[in-house]
């Protein structure tokens, strides 16, 4: 993993040294997030969130741009109608998993046309908060669950974008989680990975 990080840093440094043009900007938009993996038969449903942050667009050539980003992102999933027996009484609950990350994508964008690009790149995410909210008969309770999730997430992004002007752009992206974000006990083979579709608007200065 250290070698991968050093390689990414070297690529970034090379891009800065050879960039024709670098522009700073900010972006934000909507997330549609869920969990993928071995979820013990639970019927997981997606939930909406948001992302917000900044980026540097480093133009390497007329068709290629390197774009490091730092984004605050709300993610997670929800499960409806979980039944739990408590002292002989069966309760039905709706559960929300609310996770927040500071994500750092490193995207390589290729302009297939003058204003249209496709993008691909790795991402590392740092968990900032994790809460589980359960609702039973209209009564809700929330608990901190950060110790039940891994503090670092690795994934890969693929997407596409369109530049309306030199400053204003829109993008569509999918983040596929590659690492198990659930902390498990010995004998528990459960694996949970993040899965996030996002749509955003960006503005370059």
N, C-alpha and C. Protein backbone atom coordinates (compact mmCIF):
# COMPACT_ATOMS: atom_id res chain seq x y z
N UNK A 1 0.83 -1.20 0.00
CA UNK A 1 0.00 0.00 0.00
C UNK A 1 0.86 1.26 0.00
N UNK A 2 1.99 1.22 0.76
CA UNK A 2 2.88 2.37 0.77
C UNK A 2 3.40 2.67 -0.63
N UNK A 3 3.71 1.61 -1.41
CA UNK A 3 4.21 1.79 -2.76
C UNK A 3 3.16 2.45 -3.65
N UNK A 4 1.88 2.06 -3.47
CA UNK A 4 0.80 2.66 -4.26
C UNK A 4 0.68 4.15 -3.95
N UNK A 5 0.74 4.48 -2.65
CA UNK A 5 0.63 5.89 -2.25
C UNK A 5 1.79 6.71 -2.79
N UNK A 6 3.00 6.16 -2.75
CA UNK A 6 4.17 6.87 -3.27
C UNK A 6 4.07 7.05 -4.77
N UNK A 7 3.55 6.04 -5.45
CA UNK A 7 3.38 6.15 -6.91
C UNK A 7 2.38 7.25 -7.25
N UNK A 8 1.25 7.30 -6.50
CA UNK A 8 0.26 8.34 -6.73
C UNK A 8 0.85 9.72 -6.47
N UNK A 9 1.66 9.84 -5.42
CA UNK A 9 2.30 11.12 -5.11
C UNK A 9 3.27 11.52 -6.22
N UNK A 10 3.99 10.54 -6.77
CA UNK A 10 4.94 10.84 -7.85
C UNK A 10 4.21 11.31 -9.10
N UNK A 11 3.07 10.64 -9.40
CA UNK A 11 2.27 11.06 -10.57
C UNK A 11 1.76 12.48 -10.37
N UNK A 12 1.30 12.79 -9.16
CA UNK A 12 0.79 14.12 -8.86
C UNK A 12 1.89 15.16 -9.01
N UNK A 13 3.08 14.86 -8.47
CA UNK A 13 4.21 15.79 -8.57
C UNK A 13 4.63 16.00 -10.02
N UNK A 14 4.63 14.91 -10.80
CA UNK A 14 4.97 15.02 -12.21
C UNK A 14 3.96 15.90 -12.95
N UNK A 15 2.68 15.72 -12.58
CA UNK A 15 1.64 16.52 -13.21
C UNK A 15 1.81 18.00 -12.92
N UNK A 16 2.15 18.34 -11.67
CA UNK A 16 2.35 19.74 -11.31
C UNK A 16 3.54 20.33 -12.06
N UNK A 17 4.61 19.53 -12.17
CA UNK A 17 5.83 20.03 -12.81
C UNK A 17 5.65 20.25 -14.30
N UNK A 18 4.77 19.46 -14.91
CA UNK A 18 4.62 19.52 -16.36
C UNK A 18 3.28 20.10 -16.81
N UNK A 19 2.53 20.60 -15.87
CA UNK A 19 1.21 21.11 -16.22
C UNK A 19 1.29 22.37 -17.07
N UNK A 20 0.45 22.41 -18.10
CA UNK A 20 0.33 23.62 -18.90
C UNK A 20 -0.48 24.68 -18.14
N UNK A 21 -1.41 24.18 -17.33
CA UNK A 21 -2.34 25.10 -16.68
C UNK A 21 -2.96 24.41 -15.48
N UNK A 22 -3.10 25.12 -14.37
CA UNK A 22 -3.74 24.56 -13.18
C UNK A 22 -4.76 25.56 -12.66
N UNK A 23 -5.98 25.07 -12.39
CA UNK A 23 -7.05 25.91 -11.89
C UNK A 23 -7.68 25.28 -10.66
N UNK A 24 -7.96 26.13 -9.68
CA UNK A 24 -8.63 25.67 -8.48
C UNK A 24 -10.13 25.84 -8.64
N UNK A 25 -10.87 25.04 -7.90
CA UNK A 25 -12.32 25.14 -7.98
C UNK A 25 -12.99 24.46 -6.81
N UNK A 26 -14.31 24.55 -6.78
CA UNK A 26 -15.09 23.84 -5.77
C UNK A 26 -16.24 23.13 -6.46
N UNK A 27 -16.75 22.10 -5.81
CA UNK A 27 -17.83 21.32 -6.38
C UNK A 27 -18.73 20.79 -5.26
N UNK A 28 -19.93 20.43 -5.64
CA UNK A 28 -20.87 19.85 -4.68
C UNK A 28 -22.01 19.20 -5.42
N UNK A 29 -22.74 18.35 -4.71
CA UNK A 29 -23.86 17.70 -5.36
C UNK A 29 -24.50 16.62 -4.52
N UNK A 30 -25.25 15.77 -5.20
CA UNK A 30 -26.09 14.76 -4.58
C UNK A 30 -25.42 13.39 -4.61
N UNK A 31 -25.53 12.64 -3.52
CA UNK A 31 -25.09 11.24 -3.45
C UNK A 31 -26.31 10.33 -3.36
N UNK A 32 -26.23 9.19 -4.02
CA UNK A 32 -27.17 8.08 -3.81
C UNK A 32 -26.31 6.91 -3.37
N UNK A 33 -26.33 6.61 -2.07
CA UNK A 33 -25.38 5.67 -1.48
C UNK A 33 -26.06 4.39 -1.01
N UNK A 34 -25.26 3.32 -0.96
CA UNK A 34 -25.73 2.04 -0.45
C UNK A 34 -24.54 1.22 0.00
N UNK A 35 -24.79 0.06 0.60
CA UNK A 35 -23.76 -0.91 0.92
C UNK A 35 -23.87 -2.08 -0.04
N UNK A 36 -22.74 -2.68 -0.35
CA UNK A 36 -22.70 -3.91 -1.14
C UNK A 36 -21.94 -4.96 -0.36
N UNK A 37 -22.20 -6.23 -0.68
CA UNK A 37 -21.44 -7.30 -0.04
C UNK A 37 -22.31 -8.29 0.69
N UNK A 38 -21.71 -8.98 1.65
CA UNK A 38 -22.40 -10.00 2.45
C UNK A 38 -23.09 -9.32 3.62
N UNK A 39 -24.42 -9.14 3.49
CA UNK A 39 -25.17 -8.38 4.49
C UNK A 39 -26.16 -9.26 5.25
N UNK A 40 -25.92 -10.57 5.29
CA UNK A 40 -26.74 -11.52 6.04
C UNK A 40 -28.20 -11.47 5.62
N UNK A 41 -28.46 -11.33 4.32
CA UNK A 41 -29.82 -11.39 3.82
C UNK A 41 -30.65 -10.14 4.03
N UNK A 42 -30.09 -9.08 4.57
CA UNK A 42 -30.84 -7.85 4.78
C UNK A 42 -31.16 -7.18 3.45
N UNK A 43 -32.34 -6.62 3.35
CA UNK A 43 -32.76 -5.92 2.14
C UNK A 43 -32.34 -4.45 2.25
N UNK A 44 -31.11 -4.17 1.87
CA UNK A 44 -30.59 -2.81 1.97
C UNK A 44 -31.19 -1.90 0.91
N UNK A 45 -31.45 -0.69 1.30
CA UNK A 45 -31.98 0.31 0.37
C UNK A 45 -31.04 1.51 0.35
N UNK A 46 -31.00 2.17 -0.79
CA UNK A 46 -30.12 3.33 -0.94
C UNK A 46 -30.68 4.53 -0.18
N UNK A 47 -29.78 5.46 0.13
CA UNK A 47 -30.20 6.69 0.80
C UNK A 47 -29.49 7.87 0.14
N UNK A 48 -30.10 9.01 0.22
CA UNK A 48 -29.53 10.20 -0.39
C UNK A 48 -28.63 10.92 0.60
N UNK A 49 -27.61 11.56 0.07
CA UNK A 49 -26.70 12.38 0.85
C UNK A 49 -26.14 13.47 -0.02
N UNK A 50 -25.00 14.02 0.37
CA UNK A 50 -24.41 15.09 -0.41
C UNK A 50 -22.89 15.02 -0.32
N UNK A 51 -22.23 15.72 -1.21
CA UNK A 51 -20.78 15.89 -1.14
C UNK A 51 -20.45 17.34 -1.44
N UNK A 52 -19.36 17.82 -0.85
CA UNK A 52 -18.96 19.22 -1.01
C UNK A 52 -17.47 19.34 -0.76
N UNK A 53 -16.79 20.08 -1.63
CA UNK A 53 -15.35 20.25 -1.42
C UNK A 53 -14.68 21.00 -2.55
N UNK A 54 -13.36 20.81 -2.66
CA UNK A 54 -12.59 21.53 -3.65
C UNK A 54 -11.74 20.61 -4.50
N UNK A 55 -11.16 21.17 -5.55
CA UNK A 55 -10.32 20.39 -6.45
C UNK A 55 -9.30 21.30 -7.13
N UNK A 56 -8.30 20.66 -7.74
CA UNK A 56 -7.35 21.35 -8.59
C UNK A 56 -7.36 20.65 -9.95
N UNK A 57 -7.68 21.37 -11.01
CA UNK A 57 -7.68 20.83 -12.37
C UNK A 57 -6.34 21.17 -13.01
N UNK A 58 -5.51 20.14 -13.23
CA UNK A 58 -4.17 20.32 -13.77
C UNK A 58 -4.16 19.84 -15.21
N UNK A 59 -4.10 20.75 -16.14
CA UNK A 59 -4.15 20.40 -17.56
C UNK A 59 -2.79 19.89 -18.02
N UNK A 60 -2.73 18.58 -18.36
CA UNK A 60 -1.48 17.98 -18.81
C UNK A 60 -1.30 18.09 -20.32
N UNK A 61 -2.42 18.12 -21.04
CA UNK A 61 -2.40 18.28 -22.49
C UNK A 61 -3.77 18.77 -22.91
N UNK A 62 -3.99 18.90 -24.21
CA UNK A 62 -5.29 19.37 -24.69
C UNK A 62 -6.41 18.40 -24.33
N UNK A 63 -6.07 17.12 -24.15
CA UNK A 63 -7.09 16.11 -23.91
C UNK A 63 -7.05 15.48 -22.52
N UNK A 64 -6.00 15.71 -21.77
CA UNK A 64 -5.84 15.03 -20.48
C UNK A 64 -5.69 16.04 -19.34
N UNK A 65 -6.48 15.82 -18.28
CA UNK A 65 -6.42 16.67 -17.08
C UNK A 65 -6.33 15.77 -15.85
N UNK A 66 -5.42 16.10 -14.96
CA UNK A 66 -5.30 15.43 -13.67
C UNK A 66 -6.05 16.26 -12.64
N UNK A 67 -6.95 15.62 -11.87
CA UNK A 67 -7.78 16.39 -10.94
C UNK A 67 -7.83 15.75 -9.55
N UNK A 68 -6.95 16.17 -8.64
CA UNK A 68 -7.06 15.76 -7.23
C UNK A 68 -8.21 16.53 -6.57
N UNK A 69 -8.92 15.87 -5.66
CA UNK A 69 -10.05 16.49 -4.99
C UNK A 69 -10.02 16.17 -3.49
N UNK A 70 -10.67 17.01 -2.70
CA UNK A 70 -10.93 16.73 -1.29
C UNK A 70 -12.41 17.03 -1.06
N UNK A 71 -13.18 15.98 -0.69
CA UNK A 71 -14.63 16.12 -0.61
C UNK A 71 -15.16 15.58 0.72
N UNK A 72 -16.01 16.36 1.37
CA UNK A 72 -16.78 15.84 2.50
C UNK A 72 -18.01 15.16 1.93
N UNK A 73 -18.26 13.92 2.35
CA UNK A 73 -19.32 13.12 1.72
C UNK A 73 -20.14 12.38 2.76
N UNK A 74 -21.48 12.49 2.66
CA UNK A 74 -22.37 11.73 3.54
C UNK A 74 -22.87 10.51 2.78
N UNK A 75 -22.72 9.33 3.39
CA UNK A 75 -23.01 8.06 2.73
C UNK A 75 -23.75 7.13 3.69
N UNK A 76 -23.84 5.85 3.32
CA UNK A 76 -24.49 4.89 4.19
C UNK A 76 -25.53 4.07 3.47
N UNK A 77 -26.54 3.63 4.21
CA UNK A 77 -27.62 2.80 3.66
C UNK A 77 -28.75 2.77 4.68
N UNK A 78 -29.87 2.16 4.31
CA UNK A 78 -30.97 2.00 5.25
C UNK A 78 -31.64 0.64 5.05
N UNK A 79 -32.25 0.15 6.11
CA UNK A 79 -32.95 -1.13 6.08
C UNK A 79 -34.31 -0.93 6.73
N UNK A 80 -35.37 -1.35 6.04
CA UNK A 80 -36.72 -1.23 6.57
C UNK A 80 -37.20 -2.56 7.12
N UNK A 81 -38.03 -2.47 8.14
CA UNK A 81 -38.76 -3.63 8.68
C UNK A 81 -37.85 -4.74 9.19
N UNK A 82 -36.84 -4.37 9.99
CA UNK A 82 -36.04 -5.37 10.68
C UNK A 82 -36.80 -5.81 11.94
N UNK A 83 -36.95 -7.11 12.10
CA UNK A 83 -37.66 -7.63 13.26
C UNK A 83 -36.67 -8.13 14.31
N UNK A 84 -36.91 -7.74 15.55
CA UNK A 84 -36.03 -8.12 16.66
C UNK A 84 -36.86 -8.55 17.87
N UNK A 85 -36.53 -9.70 18.42
CA UNK A 85 -37.22 -10.20 19.61
C UNK A 85 -36.51 -9.68 20.86
N UNK A 86 -37.26 -8.94 21.66
CA UNK A 86 -36.72 -8.40 22.92
C UNK A 86 -37.62 -8.88 24.06
N UNK A 87 -37.10 -9.82 24.85
CA UNK A 87 -37.84 -10.35 26.00
C UNK A 87 -39.22 -10.88 25.61
N UNK A 88 -39.26 -11.58 24.49
CA UNK A 88 -40.50 -12.20 24.06
C UNK A 88 -41.40 -11.31 23.23
N UNK A 89 -41.04 -10.06 23.07
CA UNK A 89 -41.83 -9.13 22.24
C UNK A 89 -41.06 -8.83 20.96
N UNK A 90 -41.74 -9.00 19.83
CA UNK A 90 -41.10 -8.77 18.54
C UNK A 90 -41.37 -7.33 18.10
N UNK A 91 -40.30 -6.59 17.89
CA UNK A 91 -40.39 -5.21 17.44
C UNK A 91 -39.94 -5.13 15.98
N UNK A 92 -40.56 -4.22 15.23
CA UNK A 92 -40.18 -3.97 13.84
C UNK A 92 -39.59 -2.57 13.75
N UNK A 93 -38.37 -2.49 13.22
CA UNK A 93 -37.66 -1.21 13.20
C UNK A 93 -37.17 -0.88 11.80
N UNK A 94 -37.08 0.42 11.53
CA UNK A 94 -36.40 0.94 10.34
C UNK A 94 -35.06 1.49 10.80
N UNK A 95 -33.98 1.09 10.13
CA UNK A 95 -32.64 1.45 10.57
C UNK A 95 -31.91 2.23 9.49
N UNK A 96 -31.30 3.34 9.89
CA UNK A 96 -30.48 4.16 9.00
C UNK A 96 -29.02 4.09 9.44
N UNK A 97 -28.13 3.79 8.50
CA UNK A 97 -26.69 3.85 8.74
C UNK A 97 -26.18 5.16 8.13
N UNK A 98 -25.76 6.09 8.97
CA UNK A 98 -25.33 7.41 8.51
C UNK A 98 -23.82 7.55 8.69
N UNK A 99 -23.10 7.50 7.58
CA UNK A 99 -21.64 7.59 7.60
C UNK A 99 -21.19 8.88 6.91
N UNK A 100 -20.14 9.49 7.45
CA UNK A 100 -19.55 10.68 6.84
C UNK A 100 -18.07 10.42 6.58
N UNK A 101 -17.60 10.82 5.41
CA UNK A 101 -16.21 10.61 5.02
C UNK A 101 -15.58 11.91 4.53
N UNK A 102 -14.28 11.99 4.69
CA UNK A 102 -13.47 12.97 3.98
C UNK A 102 -12.76 12.18 2.88
N UNK A 103 -13.25 12.30 1.67
CA UNK A 103 -12.75 11.53 0.53
C UNK A 103 -11.71 12.31 -0.26
N UNK A 104 -10.68 11.58 -0.72
CA UNK A 104 -9.62 12.19 -1.51
C UNK A 104 -9.47 11.40 -2.81
N UNK A 105 -10.20 11.77 -3.87
CA UNK A 105 -10.05 11.11 -5.16
C UNK A 105 -8.89 11.73 -5.95
N UNK A 106 -8.27 10.91 -6.80
CA UNK A 106 -7.24 11.38 -7.73
C UNK A 106 -7.70 10.96 -9.11
N UNK A 107 -8.32 11.88 -9.84
CA UNK A 107 -8.98 11.54 -11.09
C UNK A 107 -8.16 11.95 -12.30
N UNK A 108 -8.15 11.06 -13.29
CA UNK A 108 -7.55 11.36 -14.59
C UNK A 108 -8.69 11.50 -15.58
N UNK A 109 -8.79 12.70 -16.17
CA UNK A 109 -9.91 13.01 -17.07
C UNK A 109 -9.41 13.08 -18.51
N UNK A 110 -10.10 12.37 -19.39
CA UNK A 110 -9.76 12.37 -20.82
C UNK A 110 -10.90 13.01 -21.60
N UNK A 111 -10.56 14.05 -22.37
CA UNK A 111 -11.57 14.77 -23.15
C UNK A 111 -11.74 14.09 -24.50
N UNK A 112 -12.80 13.29 -24.60
CA UNK A 112 -13.11 12.60 -25.85
C UNK A 112 -13.65 13.57 -26.89
N UNK A 113 -14.20 14.67 -26.42
CA UNK A 113 -14.66 15.76 -27.29
C UNK A 113 -14.28 17.07 -26.62
N UNK A 114 -14.56 18.17 -27.28
CA UNK A 114 -14.10 19.47 -26.77
C UNK A 114 -14.60 19.74 -25.36
N UNK A 115 -15.84 19.39 -25.05
CA UNK A 115 -16.41 19.70 -23.74
C UNK A 115 -16.78 18.46 -22.93
N UNK A 116 -16.69 17.29 -23.52
CA UNK A 116 -17.09 16.06 -22.85
C UNK A 116 -15.88 15.24 -22.44
N UNK A 117 -15.88 14.77 -21.19
CA UNK A 117 -14.76 13.97 -20.72
C UNK A 117 -15.23 12.71 -20.00
N UNK A 118 -14.37 11.71 -20.00
CA UNK A 118 -14.56 10.53 -19.17
C UNK A 118 -13.44 10.51 -18.14
N UNK A 119 -13.69 9.93 -16.96
CA UNK A 119 -12.72 10.01 -15.89
C UNK A 119 -12.59 8.68 -15.16
N UNK A 120 -11.41 8.49 -14.57
CA UNK A 120 -11.14 7.27 -13.83
C UNK A 120 -10.05 7.57 -12.81
N UNK A 121 -10.15 6.95 -11.62
CA UNK A 121 -9.10 7.16 -10.63
C UNK A 121 -9.39 6.54 -9.29
N UNK A 122 -8.36 6.37 -8.46
CA UNK A 122 -8.51 5.80 -7.13
C UNK A 122 -9.02 6.82 -6.13
N UNK A 123 -9.47 6.32 -5.00
CA UNK A 123 -9.96 7.20 -3.93
C UNK A 123 -9.66 6.58 -2.57
N UNK A 124 -9.24 7.42 -1.64
CA UNK A 124 -9.11 7.00 -0.25
C UNK A 124 -10.07 7.86 0.57
N UNK A 125 -10.77 7.23 1.50
CA UNK A 125 -11.74 7.94 2.33
C UNK A 125 -11.43 7.77 3.80
N UNK A 126 -11.57 8.85 4.55
CA UNK A 126 -11.31 8.83 5.99
C UNK A 126 -12.63 9.05 6.73
N UNK A 127 -13.03 8.05 7.51
CA UNK A 127 -14.30 8.12 8.23
C UNK A 127 -14.26 9.21 9.30
N UNK A 128 -15.21 10.13 9.24
CA UNK A 128 -15.28 11.21 10.23
C UNK A 128 -16.39 10.99 11.26
N UNK A 129 -17.43 10.25 10.86
CA UNK A 129 -18.53 9.98 11.79
C UNK A 129 -19.34 8.79 11.28
N UNK A 130 -19.91 8.05 12.22
CA UNK A 130 -20.80 6.93 11.87
C UNK A 130 -21.85 6.80 12.96
N UNK A 131 -23.10 6.88 12.58
CA UNK A 131 -24.21 6.76 13.52
C UNK A 131 -25.26 5.80 12.96
N UNK A 132 -25.90 5.07 13.87
CA UNK A 132 -26.99 4.18 13.50
C UNK A 132 -28.26 4.70 14.19
N UNK A 133 -29.30 4.92 13.37
CA UNK A 133 -30.56 5.45 13.88
C UNK A 133 -31.66 4.41 13.66
N UNK A 134 -32.35 4.03 14.72
CA UNK A 134 -33.44 3.07 14.64
C UNK A 134 -34.76 3.75 15.00
N UNK A 135 -35.81 3.44 14.23
CA UNK A 135 -37.13 4.01 14.46
C UNK A 135 -38.14 2.89 14.65
N UNK A 136 -38.81 2.87 15.81
CA UNK A 136 -39.82 1.87 16.14
C UNK A 136 -41.10 2.59 16.54
N UNK A 137 -42.19 2.33 15.81
CA UNK A 137 -43.48 2.95 16.13
C UNK A 137 -43.38 4.46 16.23
N UNK A 138 -42.61 5.07 15.33
CA UNK A 138 -42.49 6.52 15.30
C UNK A 138 -41.52 7.09 16.30
N UNK A 139 -40.92 6.27 17.12
CA UNK A 139 -39.94 6.73 18.12
C UNK A 139 -38.54 6.37 17.64
N UNK A 140 -37.65 7.36 17.61
CA UNK A 140 -36.31 7.16 17.07
C UNK A 140 -35.24 7.27 18.16
N UNK A 141 -34.19 6.50 17.98
CA UNK A 141 -33.03 6.57 18.87
C UNK A 141 -31.78 6.43 18.00
N UNK A 142 -30.74 7.19 18.36
CA UNK A 142 -29.52 7.19 17.56
C UNK A 142 -28.33 6.85 18.44
N UNK A 143 -27.39 6.08 17.88
CA UNK A 143 -26.22 5.65 18.64
C UNK A 143 -24.97 5.83 17.80
N UNK A 144 -23.89 6.26 18.45
CA UNK A 144 -22.61 6.37 17.76
C UNK A 144 -22.08 4.98 17.44
N UNK A 145 -21.66 4.77 16.19
CA UNK A 145 -21.20 3.45 15.75
C UNK A 145 -19.86 3.52 15.05
N UNK A 146 -19.09 4.56 15.33
CA UNK A 146 -17.82 4.73 14.64
C UNK A 146 -16.86 3.58 14.92
N UNK A 147 -16.95 3.01 16.12
CA UNK A 147 -16.04 1.92 16.46
C UNK A 147 -16.41 0.61 15.76
N UNK A 148 -17.53 0.58 15.02
CA UNK A 148 -17.94 -0.62 14.30
C UNK A 148 -17.53 -0.59 12.83
N UNK A 149 -16.91 0.52 12.40
CA UNK A 149 -16.50 0.67 11.01
C UNK A 149 -15.02 1.01 10.93
N UNK A 150 -14.38 0.56 9.85
CA UNK A 150 -12.98 0.87 9.62
C UNK A 150 -12.80 2.37 9.38
N UNK A 151 -11.68 2.90 9.83
CA UNK A 151 -11.45 4.34 9.73
C UNK A 151 -11.02 4.79 8.34
N UNK A 152 -10.54 3.84 7.51
CA UNK A 152 -10.08 4.19 6.17
C UNK A 152 -10.77 3.29 5.14
N UNK A 153 -11.20 3.89 4.05
CA UNK A 153 -11.86 3.16 2.96
C UNK A 153 -11.11 3.42 1.66
N UNK A 154 -10.93 2.36 0.87
CA UNK A 154 -10.30 2.50 -0.44
C UNK A 154 -11.30 2.12 -1.52
N UNK A 155 -11.26 2.85 -2.64
CA UNK A 155 -12.17 2.56 -3.73
C UNK A 155 -11.65 3.08 -5.05
N UNK A 156 -12.46 2.90 -6.08
CA UNK A 156 -12.11 3.38 -7.40
C UNK A 156 -13.32 4.10 -7.98
N UNK A 157 -13.07 5.17 -8.71
CA UNK A 157 -14.13 5.98 -9.31
C UNK A 157 -14.09 5.90 -10.82
N UNK A 158 -15.27 5.94 -11.43
CA UNK A 158 -15.40 6.06 -12.87
C UNK A 158 -16.56 7.00 -13.15
N UNK A 159 -16.43 7.83 -14.16
CA UNK A 159 -17.50 8.78 -14.42
C UNK A 159 -17.34 9.53 -15.73
N UNK A 160 -18.15 10.56 -15.87
CA UNK A 160 -18.13 11.39 -17.07
C UNK A 160 -18.51 12.81 -16.69
N UNK A 161 -18.10 13.75 -17.50
CA UNK A 161 -18.39 15.15 -17.20
C UNK A 161 -18.59 15.98 -18.45
N UNK A 162 -19.18 17.14 -18.25
CA UNK A 162 -19.41 18.07 -19.38
C UNK A 162 -19.12 19.48 -18.91
N UNK A 163 -18.34 20.23 -19.70
CA UNK A 163 -18.01 21.62 -19.39
C UNK A 163 -18.96 22.55 -20.13
N UNK A 164 -19.84 23.20 -19.40
CA UNK A 164 -20.75 24.16 -20.03
C UNK A 164 -19.99 25.39 -20.51
N UNK A 165 -19.06 25.84 -19.67
CA UNK A 165 -18.19 26.97 -20.00
C UNK A 165 -16.79 26.63 -19.49
N UNK A 166 -15.85 27.55 -19.58
CA UNK A 166 -14.52 27.32 -19.04
C UNK A 166 -14.53 27.21 -17.52
N UNK A 167 -15.57 27.73 -16.89
CA UNK A 167 -15.63 27.73 -15.43
C UNK A 167 -16.66 26.77 -14.86
N UNK A 168 -17.79 26.59 -15.53
CA UNK A 168 -18.90 25.80 -14.99
C UNK A 168 -18.97 24.42 -15.66
N UNK A 169 -19.09 23.37 -14.81
CA UNK A 169 -19.13 22.00 -15.33
C UNK A 169 -20.08 21.15 -14.50
N UNK A 170 -20.46 20.01 -15.06
CA UNK A 170 -21.29 19.03 -14.37
C UNK A 170 -20.66 17.66 -14.52
N UNK A 171 -20.92 16.79 -13.55
CA UNK A 171 -20.32 15.46 -13.62
C UNK A 171 -21.20 14.39 -13.02
N UNK A 172 -21.01 13.17 -13.51
CA UNK A 172 -21.70 11.99 -13.00
C UNK A 172 -20.62 10.96 -12.66
N UNK A 173 -20.66 10.36 -11.46
CA UNK A 173 -19.58 9.49 -11.01
C UNK A 173 -20.13 8.32 -10.20
N UNK A 174 -19.44 7.17 -10.32
CA UNK A 174 -19.74 6.03 -9.48
C UNK A 174 -18.50 5.63 -8.71
N UNK A 175 -18.65 5.49 -7.40
CA UNK A 175 -17.56 5.03 -6.53
C UNK A 175 -17.82 3.60 -6.11
N UNK A 176 -16.91 2.70 -6.46
CA UNK A 176 -16.98 1.30 -6.07
C UNK A 176 -15.99 1.06 -4.94
N UNK A 177 -16.51 0.74 -3.76
CA UNK A 177 -15.65 0.45 -2.63
C UNK A 177 -14.91 -0.87 -2.83
N UNK A 178 -13.63 -0.89 -2.49
CA UNK A 178 -12.81 -2.09 -2.65
C UNK A 178 -12.48 -2.75 -1.33
N UNK A 179 -12.62 -2.04 -0.22
CA UNK A 179 -12.23 -2.59 1.08
C UNK A 179 -13.45 -2.82 1.96
N UNK A 180 -13.32 -3.78 2.86
CA UNK A 180 -14.37 -4.07 3.82
C UNK A 180 -14.39 -2.99 4.90
N UNK A 181 -15.49 -2.27 5.01
CA UNK A 181 -15.54 -1.16 5.96
C UNK A 181 -16.07 -1.59 7.33
N UNK A 182 -16.54 -2.84 7.44
CA UNK A 182 -17.09 -3.30 8.71
C UNK A 182 -16.00 -3.95 9.57
N UNK A 183 -15.93 -3.56 10.83
CA UNK A 183 -15.06 -4.24 11.77
C UNK A 183 -15.78 -5.50 12.26
N UNK A 184 -15.14 -6.64 12.10
CA UNK A 184 -15.79 -7.90 12.43
C UNK A 184 -15.02 -8.64 13.53
N UNK A 185 -15.74 -9.49 14.24
CA UNK A 185 -15.15 -10.33 15.27
C UNK A 185 -14.69 -11.65 14.66
N UNK A 186 -13.81 -12.38 15.33
CA UNK A 186 -13.37 -13.68 14.82
C UNK A 186 -14.55 -14.60 14.52
N UNK A 187 -14.54 -15.20 13.32
CA UNK A 187 -15.63 -16.07 12.91
C UNK A 187 -16.72 -15.38 12.13
N UNK A 188 -16.71 -14.04 12.12
CA UNK A 188 -17.69 -13.27 11.35
C UNK A 188 -17.08 -12.89 10.01
N UNK A 189 -17.63 -13.48 8.93
CA UNK A 189 -17.09 -13.24 7.60
C UNK A 189 -17.84 -12.16 6.83
N UNK A 190 -18.65 -11.37 7.52
CA UNK A 190 -19.42 -10.31 6.86
C UNK A 190 -18.50 -9.31 6.19
N UNK A 191 -18.88 -8.90 5.00
CA UNK A 191 -18.12 -7.90 4.25
C UNK A 191 -19.08 -6.84 3.74
N UNK A 192 -18.76 -5.59 4.07
CA UNK A 192 -19.57 -4.46 3.63
C UNK A 192 -18.68 -3.48 2.88
N UNK A 193 -19.13 -3.07 1.71
CA UNK A 193 -18.37 -2.11 0.91
C UNK A 193 -19.27 -0.96 0.50
N UNK A 194 -18.67 0.22 0.42
CA UNK A 194 -19.43 1.39 -0.01
C UNK A 194 -19.73 1.34 -1.51
N UNK A 195 -20.88 1.88 -1.86
CA UNK A 195 -21.29 2.02 -3.26
C UNK A 195 -22.03 3.34 -3.39
N UNK A 196 -21.49 4.26 -4.19
CA UNK A 196 -22.06 5.62 -4.23
C UNK A 196 -22.13 6.14 -5.66
N UNK A 197 -23.33 6.49 -6.09
CA UNK A 197 -23.52 7.27 -7.31
C UNK A 197 -23.60 8.74 -6.92
N UNK A 198 -22.99 9.61 -7.70
CA UNK A 198 -23.05 11.03 -7.38
C UNK A 198 -23.19 11.86 -8.65
N UNK A 199 -23.88 12.97 -8.50
CA UNK A 199 -24.00 13.96 -9.57
C UNK A 199 -23.60 15.31 -8.96
N UNK A 200 -22.82 16.09 -9.69
CA UNK A 200 -22.27 17.30 -9.09
C UNK A 200 -22.19 18.44 -10.09
N UNK A 201 -22.06 19.62 -9.53
CA UNK A 201 -21.76 20.84 -10.29
C UNK A 201 -20.42 21.38 -9.77
N UNK A 202 -19.58 21.83 -10.69
CA UNK A 202 -18.28 22.38 -10.29
C UNK A 202 -18.05 23.75 -10.89
N UNK A 203 -17.24 24.53 -10.19
CA UNK A 203 -16.91 25.88 -10.66
C UNK A 203 -15.42 26.11 -10.51
N UNK A 204 -14.75 26.47 -11.59
CA UNK A 204 -13.30 26.76 -11.57
C UNK A 204 -13.08 28.25 -11.56
N UNK A 205 -12.10 28.68 -10.76
CA UNK A 205 -11.79 30.11 -10.67
C UNK A 205 -10.91 30.55 -11.84
